[in-house]
Amino acid sequence: MMPVIDRDGPFRVLFYANDNEPPHVHIVVKGGNRGCKIWLNGADLSRNDHLTIQEVKKSIDMVKENRDKYLEAWHGFFSD
């Protein structure tokens, strides 16, 4: 299960139901097998899987702008 918590054009922000690390999101680009993982505390890039520099920057900006919303979704999902 991969709850999608946000969308922006081809970007999908999600997390995996079996994640057990500190809060983070996966951002995937629709139509491809590409994405990245970003820690929510600090908006630091954890892993990049074939995104361009511009796509990574866009992903980090999305996390910075929506951090509170993403943390709320993370804690709401994993606190049950």
PDB file of N, CA and C in Angstrom:
ATOM      1  N   MET A   1       0.849  -1.185   0.000  1.00  0.00           N
ATOM      2  CA  MET A   1       0.000   0.000   0.000  1.00  0.00           C
ATOM      3  C   MET A   1       0.888   1.240   0.000  1.00  0.00           C
ATOM      4  N   MET A   2       0.572   2.171  -0.862  1.00  0.00           N
ATOM      5  CA  MET A   2       1.336   3.400  -0.978  1.00  0.00           C
ATOM      6  C   MET A   2       0.384   4.589  -0.952  1.00  0.00           C
ATOM      7  N   PRO A   3       0.069   5.124   0.232  1.00  0.00           N
ATOM      8  CA  PRO A   3      -0.824   6.275   0.280  1.00  0.00           C
ATOM      9  C   PRO A   3      -0.207   7.485  -0.422  1.00  0.00           C
ATOM     10  N   VAL A   4      -0.885   8.016  -1.430  1.00  0.00           N
ATOM     11  CA  VAL A   4      -0.447   9.236  -2.100  1.00  0.00           C
ATOM     12  C   VAL A   4      -0.994  10.400  -1.289  1.00  0.00           C
ATOM     13  N   ILE A   5      -0.114  11.277  -0.831  1.00  0.00           N
ATOM     14  CA  ILE A   5      -0.556  12.373   0.026  1.00  0.00           C
ATOM     15  C   ILE A   5      -0.537  13.723  -0.674  1.00  0.00           C
ATOM     16  N   ASP A   6       0.052  13.790  -1.870  1.00  0.00           N
ATOM     17  CA  ASP A   6       0.065  15.051  -2.604  1.00  0.00           C
ATOM     18  C   ASP A   6       0.430  14.777  -4.060  1.00  0.00           C
ATOM     19  N   ARG A   7       0.045  15.709  -4.918  1.00  0.00           N
ATOM     20  CA  ARG A   7       0.359  15.637  -6.349  1.00  0.00           C
ATOM     21  C   ARG A   7       0.665  17.050  -6.845  1.00  0.00           C
ATOM     22  N   ASP A   8       1.591  17.108  -7.769  1.00  0.00           N
ATOM     23  CA  ASP A   8       1.895  18.377  -8.430  1.00  0.00           C
ATOM     24  C   ASP A   8       2.394  18.032  -9.825  1.00  0.00           C
ATOM     25  N   GLY A   9       1.514  18.180 -10.804  1.00  0.00           N
ATOM     26  CA  GLY A   9       1.869  17.772 -12.160  1.00  0.00           C
ATOM     27  C   GLY A   9       2.229  16.289 -12.174  1.00  0.00           C
ATOM     28  N   PRO A  10       3.404  15.951 -12.694  1.00  0.00           N
ATOM     29  CA  PRO A  10       3.796  14.538 -12.761  1.00  0.00           C
ATOM     30  C   PRO A  10       4.349  13.990 -11.451  1.00  0.00           C
ATOM     31  N   PHE A  11       4.503  14.844 -10.432  1.00  0.00           N
ATOM     32  CA  PHE A  11       5.085  14.430  -9.158  1.00  0.00           C
ATOM     33  C   PHE A  11       4.009  13.867  -8.235  1.00  0.00           C
ATOM     34  N   ARG A  12       4.300  12.727  -7.627  1.00  0.00           N
ATOM     35  CA  ARG A  12       3.423  12.103  -6.632  1.00  0.00           C
ATOM     36  C   ARG A  12       4.217  11.963  -5.340  1.00  0.00           C
ATOM     37  N   VAL A  13       3.632  12.421  -4.237  1.00  0.00           N
ATOM     38  CA  VAL A  13       4.270  12.326  -2.931  1.00  0.00           C
ATOM     39  C   VAL A  13       3.566  11.221  -2.167  1.00  0.00           C
ATOM     40  N   LEU A  14       4.344  10.264  -1.684  1.00  0.00           N
ATOM     41  CA  LEU A  14       3.747   9.115  -1.005  1.00  0.00           C
ATOM     42  C   LEU A  14       4.684   8.538   0.027  1.00  0.00           C
ATOM     43  N   PHE A  15       4.159   7.609   0.794  1.00  0.00           N
ATOM     44  CA  PHE A  15       5.005   6.789   1.651  1.00  0.00           C
ATOM     45  C   PHE A  15       4.498   5.368   1.568  1.00  0.00           C
ATOM     46  N   TYR A  16       5.344   4.452   1.980  1.00  0.00           N
ATOM     47  CA  TYR A  16       4.995   3.036   1.942  1.00  0.00           C
ATOM     48  C   TYR A  16       4.446   2.626   3.298  1.00  0.00           C
ATOM     49  N   ALA A  17       3.414   1.827   3.296  1.00  0.00           N
ATOM     50  CA  ALA A  17       2.731   1.441   4.530  1.00  0.00           C
ATOM     51  C   ALA A  17       3.649   0.696   5.495  1.00  0.00           C
ATOM     52  N   ASN A  18       4.692   0.062   4.996  1.00  0.00           N
ATOM     53  CA  ASN A  18       5.588  -0.690   5.882  1.00  0.00           C
ATOM     54  C   ASN A  18       6.847   0.097   6.237  1.00  0.00           C
ATOM     55  N   ASP A  19       6.872   1.405   5.960  1.00  0.00           N
ATOM     56  CA  ASP A  19       8.027   2.232   6.339  1.00  0.00           C
ATOM     57  C   ASP A  19       8.127   2.281   7.851  1.00  0.00           C
ATOM     58  N   ASN A  20       9.343   2.206   8.345  1.00  0.00           N
ATOM     59  CA  ASN A  20       9.533   2.278   9.795  1.00  0.00           C
ATOM     60  C   ASN A  20      10.707   3.159  10.162  1.00  0.00           C
ATOM     61  N   GLU A  21      11.162   3.943   9.245  1.00  0.00           N
ATOM     62  CA  GLU A  21      12.273   4.853   9.498  1.00  0.00           C
ATOM     63  C   GLU A  21      11.720   6.170  10.017  1.00  0.00           C
ATOM     64  N   PRO A  22      12.608   7.111  10.349  1.00  0.00           N
ATOM     65  CA  PRO A  22      12.093   8.445  10.699  1.00  0.00           C
ATOM     66  C   PRO A  22      11.241   8.994   9.556  1.00  0.00           C
ATOM     67  N   PRO A  23      10.353   9.936   9.850  1.00  0.00           N
ATOM     68  CA  PRO A  23       9.426  10.447   8.835  1.00  0.00           C
ATOM     69  C   PRO A  23      10.136  10.910   7.560  1.00  0.00           C
ATOM     70  N   HIS A  24       9.615  10.433   6.445  1.00  0.00           N
ATOM     71  CA  HIS A  24      10.145  10.783   5.129  1.00  0.00           C
ATOM     72  C   HIS A  24       9.052  10.537   4.096  1.00  0.00           C
ATOM     73  N   VAL A  25       9.269  11.059   2.910  1.00  0.00           N
ATOM     74  CA  VAL A  25       8.363  10.799   1.802  1.00  0.00           C
ATOM     75  C   VAL A  25       9.165  10.320   0.607  1.00  0.00           C
ATOM     76  N   HIS A  26       8.469   9.627  -0.255  1.00  0.00           N
ATOM     77  CA  HIS A  26       9.009   9.229  -1.550  1.00  0.00           C
ATOM     78  C   HIS A  26       8.299  10.086  -2.579  1.00  0.00           C
ATOM     79  N   ILE A  27       9.049  10.658  -3.473  1.00  0.00           N
ATOM     80  CA  ILE A  27       8.462  11.435  -4.558  1.00  0.00           C
ATOM     81  C   ILE A  27       8.793  10.707  -5.848  1.00  0.00           C
ATOM     82  N   VAL A  28       7.748  10.349  -6.560  1.00  0.00           N
ATOM     83  CA  VAL A  28       7.927   9.621  -7.811  1.00  0.00           C
ATOM     84  C   VAL A  28       7.365  10.465  -8.953  1.00  0.00           C
ATOM     85  N   VAL A  29       7.985  10.305 -10.107  1.00  0.00           N
ATOM     86  CA  VAL A  29       7.528  11.004 -11.299  1.00  0.00           C
ATOM     87  C   VAL A  29       6.641  10.050 -12.076  1.00  0.00           C
ATOM     88  N   LYS A  30       5.413  10.464 -12.313  1.00  0.00           N
ATOM     89  CA  LYS A  30       4.431   9.625 -12.998  1.00  0.00           C
ATOM     90  C   LYS A  30       4.951   9.228 -14.382  1.00  0.00           C
ATOM     91  N   GLY A  31       4.712   7.983 -14.718  1.00  0.00           N
ATOM     92  CA  GLY A  31       5.081   7.502 -16.038  1.00  0.00           C
ATOM     93  C   GLY A  31       6.493   6.979 -16.136  1.00  0.00           C
ATOM     94  N   GLY A  32       7.168   6.897 -15.020  1.00  0.00           N
ATOM     95  CA  GLY A  32       8.534   6.396 -15.061  1.00  0.00           C
ATOM     96  C   GLY A  32       8.884   5.681 -13.785  1.00  0.00           C
ATOM     97  N   ASN A  33       9.990   5.035 -13.801  1.00  0.00           N
ATOM     98  CA  ASN A  33      10.471   4.322 -12.626  1.00  0.00           C
ATOM     99  C   ASN A  33      11.557   5.160 -11.965  1.00  0.00           C
ATOM    100  N   ARG A  34      11.201   6.420 -11.694  1.00  0.00           N
ATOM    101  CA  ARG A  34      12.161   7.369 -11.159  1.00  0.00           C
ATOM    102  C   ARG A  34      11.575   8.061  -9.951  1.00  0.00           C
ATOM    103  N   GLY A  35      12.423   8.403  -8.997  1.00  0.00           N
ATOM    104  CA  GLY A  35      11.943   9.103  -7.825  1.00  0.00           C
ATOM    105  C   GLY A  35      13.061   9.418  -6.861  1.00  0.00           C
ATOM    106  N   CYS A  36      12.674   9.904  -5.697  1.00  0.00           N
ATOM    107  CA  CYS A  36      13.654  10.189  -4.655  1.00  0.00           C
ATOM    108  C   CYS A  36      12.980  10.031  -3.294  1.00  0.00           C
ATOM    109  N   LYS A  37      13.825   9.972  -2.283  1.00  0.00           N
ATOM    110  CA  LYS A  37      13.369   9.861  -0.897  1.00  0.00           C
ATOM    111  C   LYS A  37      13.918  11.071  -0.154  1.00  0.00           C
ATOM    112  N   ILE A  38      13.033  11.751   0.586  1.00  0.00           N
ATOM    113  CA  ILE A  38      13.421  12.967   1.288  1.00  0.00           C
ATOM    114  C   ILE A  38      12.969  12.878   2.745  1.00  0.00           C
ATOM    115  N   TRP A  39      13.903  13.141   3.658  1.00  0.00           N
ATOM    116  CA  TRP A  39      13.580  13.183   5.090  1.00  0.00           C
ATOM    117  C   TRP A  39      12.731  14.415   5.359  1.00  0.00           C
ATOM    118  N   LEU A  40      11.707  14.279   6.180  1.00  0.00           N
ATOM    119  CA  LEU A  40      10.847  15.417   6.475  1.00  0.00           C
ATOM    120  C   LEU A  40      11.476  16.373   7.481  1.00  0.00           C
ATOM    121  N   ASN A  41      12.288  15.876   8.380  1.00  0.00           N
ATOM    122  CA  ASN A  41      12.987  16.751   9.318  1.00  0.00           C
ATOM    123  C   ASN A  41      14.252  17.253   8.637  1.00  0.00           C
ATOM    124  N   GLY A  42      14.159  18.439   8.077  1.00  0.00           N
ATOM    125  CA  GLY A  42      15.297  19.045   7.409  1.00  0.00           C
ATOM    126  C   GLY A  42      15.182  19.086   5.897  1.00  0.00           C
ATOM    127  N   ALA A  43      14.248  18.341   5.326  1.00  0.00           N
ATOM    128  CA  ALA A  43      14.057  18.284   3.874  1.00  0.00           C
ATOM    129  C   ALA A  43      15.347  17.911   3.155  1.00  0.00           C
ATOM    130  N   ASP A  44      16.065  16.951   3.722  1.00  0.00           N
ATOM    131  CA  ASP A  44      17.320  16.486   3.134  1.00  0.00           C
ATOM    132  C   ASP A  44      17.065  15.301   2.220  1.00  0.00           C
ATOM    133  N   LEU A  45      17.781  15.267   1.122  1.00  0.00           N
ATOM    134  CA  LEU A  45      17.686  14.167   0.180  1.00  0.00           C
ATOM    135  C   LEU A  45      18.349  12.929   0.773  1.00  0.00           C
ATOM    136  N   SER A  46      17.622  11.836   0.815  1.00  0.00           N
ATOM    137  CA  SER A  46      18.162  10.567   1.293  1.00  0.00           C
ATOM    138  C   SER A  46      18.645   9.705   0.134  1.00  0.00           C
ATOM    139  N   ARG A  47      17.872   9.695  -0.943  1.00  0.00           N
ATOM    140  CA  ARG A  47      18.218   8.843  -2.092  1.00  0.00           C
ATOM    141  C   ARG A  47      17.610   9.447  -3.359  1.00  0.00           C
ATOM    142  N   ASN A  48      18.345   9.350  -4.446  1.00  0.00           N
ATOM    143  CA  ASN A  48      17.850   9.801  -5.742  1.00  0.00           C
ATOM    144  C   ASN A  48      17.929   8.632  -6.712  1.00  0.00           C
ATOM    145  N   ASP A  49      16.809   8.298  -7.298  1.00  0.00           N
ATOM    146  CA  ASP A  49      16.750   7.218  -8.284  1.00  0.00           C
ATOM    147  C   ASP A  49      16.405   7.795  -9.656  1.00  0.00           C
ATOM    148  N   HIS A  50      17.414   8.333 -10.310  1.00  0.00           N
ATOM    149  CA  HIS A  50      17.333   8.760 -11.709  1.00  0.00           C
ATOM    150  C   HIS A  50      16.572  10.059 -11.965  1.00  0.00           C
ATOM    151  N   LEU A  51      16.391  10.913 -10.960  1.00  0.00           N
ATOM    152  CA  LEU A  51      15.788  12.214 -11.215  1.00  0.00           C
ATOM    153  C   LEU A  51      16.864  13.194 -11.668  1.00  0.00           C
ATOM    154  N   THR A  52      16.454  14.157 -12.466  1.00  0.00           N
ATOM    155  CA  THR A  52      17.380  15.214 -12.866  1.00  0.00           C
ATOM    156  C   THR A  52      17.599  16.154 -11.676  1.00  0.00           C
ATOM    157  N   ILE A  53      18.599  16.984 -11.788  1.00  0.00           N
ATOM    158  CA  ILE A  53      18.864  17.966 -10.736  1.00  0.00           C
ATOM    159  C   ILE A  53      17.651  18.864 -10.541  1.00  0.00           C
ATOM    160  N   GLN A  54      17.005  19.268 -11.624  1.00  0.00           N
ATOM    161  CA  GLN A  54      15.821  20.128 -11.535  1.00  0.00           C
ATOM    162  C   GLN A  54      14.671  19.401 -10.838  1.00  0.00           C
ATOM    163  N   GLU A  55      14.501  18.116 -11.108  1.00  0.00           N
ATOM    164  CA  GLU A  55      13.424  17.352 -10.468  1.00  0.00           C
ATOM    165  C   GLU A  55      13.700  17.164  -8.978  1.00  0.00           C
ATOM    166  N   VAL A  56      14.959  16.967  -8.616  1.00  0.00           N
ATOM    167  CA  VAL A  56      15.310  16.856  -7.196  1.00  0.00           C
ATOM    168  C   VAL A  56      15.035  18.179  -6.498  1.00  0.00           C
ATOM    169  N   LYS A  57      15.431  19.284  -7.123  1.00  0.00           N
ATOM    170  CA  LYS A  57      15.176  20.594  -6.529  1.00  0.00           C
ATOM    171  C   LYS A  57      13.679  20.818  -6.351  1.00  0.00           C
ATOM    172  N   LYS A  58      12.881  20.496  -7.358  1.00  0.00           N
ATOM    173  CA  LYS A  58      11.425  20.635  -7.267  1.00  0.00           C
ATOM    174  C   LYS A  58      10.884  19.778  -6.122  1.00  0.00           C
ATOM    175  N   SER A  59      11.397  18.561  -5.983  1.00  0.00           N
ATOM    176  CA  SER A  59      10.956  17.653  -4.920  1.00  0.00           C
ATOM    177  C   SER A  59      11.272  18.220  -3.546  1.00  0.00           C
ATOM    178  N   ILE A  60      12.479  18.716  -3.372  1.00  0.00           N
ATOM    179  CA  ILE A  60      12.876  19.304  -2.088  1.00  0.00           C
ATOM    180  C   ILE A  60      12.023  20.539  -1.794  1.00  0.00           C
ATOM    181  N   ASP A  61      11.784  21.365  -2.801  1.00  0.00           N
ATOM    182  CA  ASP A  61      10.935  22.552  -2.605  1.00  0.00           C
ATOM    183  C   ASP A  61       9.519  22.153  -2.186  1.00  0.00           C
ATOM    184  N   MET A  62       8.982  21.089  -2.789  1.00  0.00           N
ATOM    185  CA  MET A  62       7.648  20.613  -2.411  1.00  0.00           C
ATOM    186  C   MET A  62       7.617  20.206  -0.945  1.00  0.00           C
ATOM    187  N   VAL A  63       8.657  19.514  -0.496  1.00  0.00           N
ATOM    188  CA  VAL A  63       8.710  19.076   0.895  1.00  0.00           C
ATOM    189  C   VAL A  63       8.837  20.283   1.824  1.00  0.00           C
ATOM    190  N   LYS A  64       9.682  21.222   1.482  1.00  0.00           N
ATOM    191  CA  LYS A  64       9.833  22.412   2.320  1.00  0.00           C
ATOM    192  C   LYS A  64       8.512  23.169   2.444  1.00  0.00           C
ATOM    193  N   GLU A  65       7.794  23.312   1.339  1.00  0.00           N
ATOM    194  CA  GLU A  65       6.544  24.073   1.334  1.00  0.00           C
ATOM    195  C   GLU A  65       5.398  23.345   2.034  1.00  0.00           C
ATOM    196  N   ASN A  66       5.463  22.019   2.077  1.00  0.00           N
ATOM    197  CA  ASN A  66       4.336  21.227   2.604  1.00  0.00           C
ATOM    198  C   ASN A  66       4.730  20.335   3.776  1.00  0.00           C
ATOM    199  N   ARG A  67       5.834  20.628   4.405  1.00  0.00           N
ATOM    200  CA  ARG A  67       6.374  19.764   5.457  1.00  0.00           C
ATOM    201  C   ARG A  67       5.342  19.445   6.536  1.00  0.00           C
ATOM    202  N   ASP A  68       4.647  20.448   7.040  1.00  0.00           N
ATOM    203  CA  ASP A  68       3.676  20.218   8.117  1.00  0.00           C
ATOM    204  C   ASP A  68       2.558  19.284   7.658  1.00  0.00           C
ATOM    205  N   LYS A  69       2.071  19.495   6.462  1.00  0.00           N
ATOM    206  CA  LYS A  69       1.018  18.635   5.895  1.00  0.00           C
ATOM    207  C   LYS A  69       1.511  17.191   5.762  1.00  0.00           C
ATOM    208  N   TYR A  70       2.738  17.014   5.285  1.00  0.00           N
ATOM    209  CA  TYR A  70       3.285  15.667   5.101  1.00  0.00           C
ATOM    210  C   TYR A  70       3.539  14.985   6.442  1.00  0.00           C
ATOM    211  N   LEU A  71       4.042  15.742   7.427  1.00  0.00           N
ATOM    212  CA  LEU A  71       4.248  15.168   8.763  1.00  0.00           C
ATOM    213  C   LEU A  71       2.921  14.752   9.395  1.00  0.00           C
ATOM    214  N   GLU A  72       1.905  15.574   9.206  1.00  0.00           N
ATOM    215  CA  GLU A  72       0.585  15.234   9.746  1.00  0.00           C
ATOM    216  C   GLU A  72       0.071  13.931   9.111  1.00  0.00           C
ATOM    217  N   ALA A  73       0.235  13.805   7.814  1.00  0.00           N
ATOM    218  CA  ALA A  73      -0.188  12.590   7.133  1.00  0.00           C
ATOM    219  C   ALA A  73       0.615  11.387   7.620  1.00  0.00           C
ATOM    220  N   TRP A  74       1.918  11.548   7.776  1.00  0.00           N
ATOM    221  CA  TRP A  74       2.789  10.468   8.265  1.00  0.00           C
ATOM    222  C   TRP A  74       2.318  10.007   9.635  1.00  0.00           C
ATOM    223  N   HIS A  75       2.215  10.948  10.578  1.00  0.00           N
ATOM    224  CA  HIS A  75       1.847  10.583  11.954  1.00  0.00           C
ATOM    225  C   HIS A  75       0.413  10.058  12.018  1.00  0.00           C
ATOM    226  N   GLY A  76      -0.476  10.603  11.214  1.00  0.00           N
ATOM    227  CA  GLY A  76      -1.848  10.095  11.188  1.00  0.00           C
ATOM    228  C   GLY A  76      -1.920   8.664  10.714  1.00  0.00           C
ATOM    229  N   PHE A  77      -1.106   8.305   9.738  1.00  0.00           N
ATOM    230  CA  PHE A  77      -1.130   6.960   9.189  1.00  0.00           C
ATOM    231  C   PHE A  77      -0.417   5.958  10.100  1.00  0.00           C
ATOM    232  N   PHE A  78       0.744   6.330  10.610  1.00  0.00           N
ATOM    233  CA  PHE A  78       1.554   5.384  11.373  1.00  0.00           C
ATOM    234  C   PHE A  78       1.221   5.340  12.868  1.00  0.00           C
ATOM    235  N   SER A  79       0.365   6.242  13.354  1.00  0.00           N
ATOM    236  CA  SER A  79       0.029   6.211  14.784  1.00  0.00           C
ATOM    237  C   SER A  79      -1.076   5.211  15.097  1.00  0.00           C
ATOM    238  N   ASP A  80      -1.752   4.711  14.068  1.00  0.00           N
ATOM    239  CA  ASP A  80      -2.860   3.759  14.306  1.00  0.00           C
ATOM    240  C   ASP A  80      -2.351   2.388  14.684  1.00  0.00           C
TER     241      ASP A  80
END
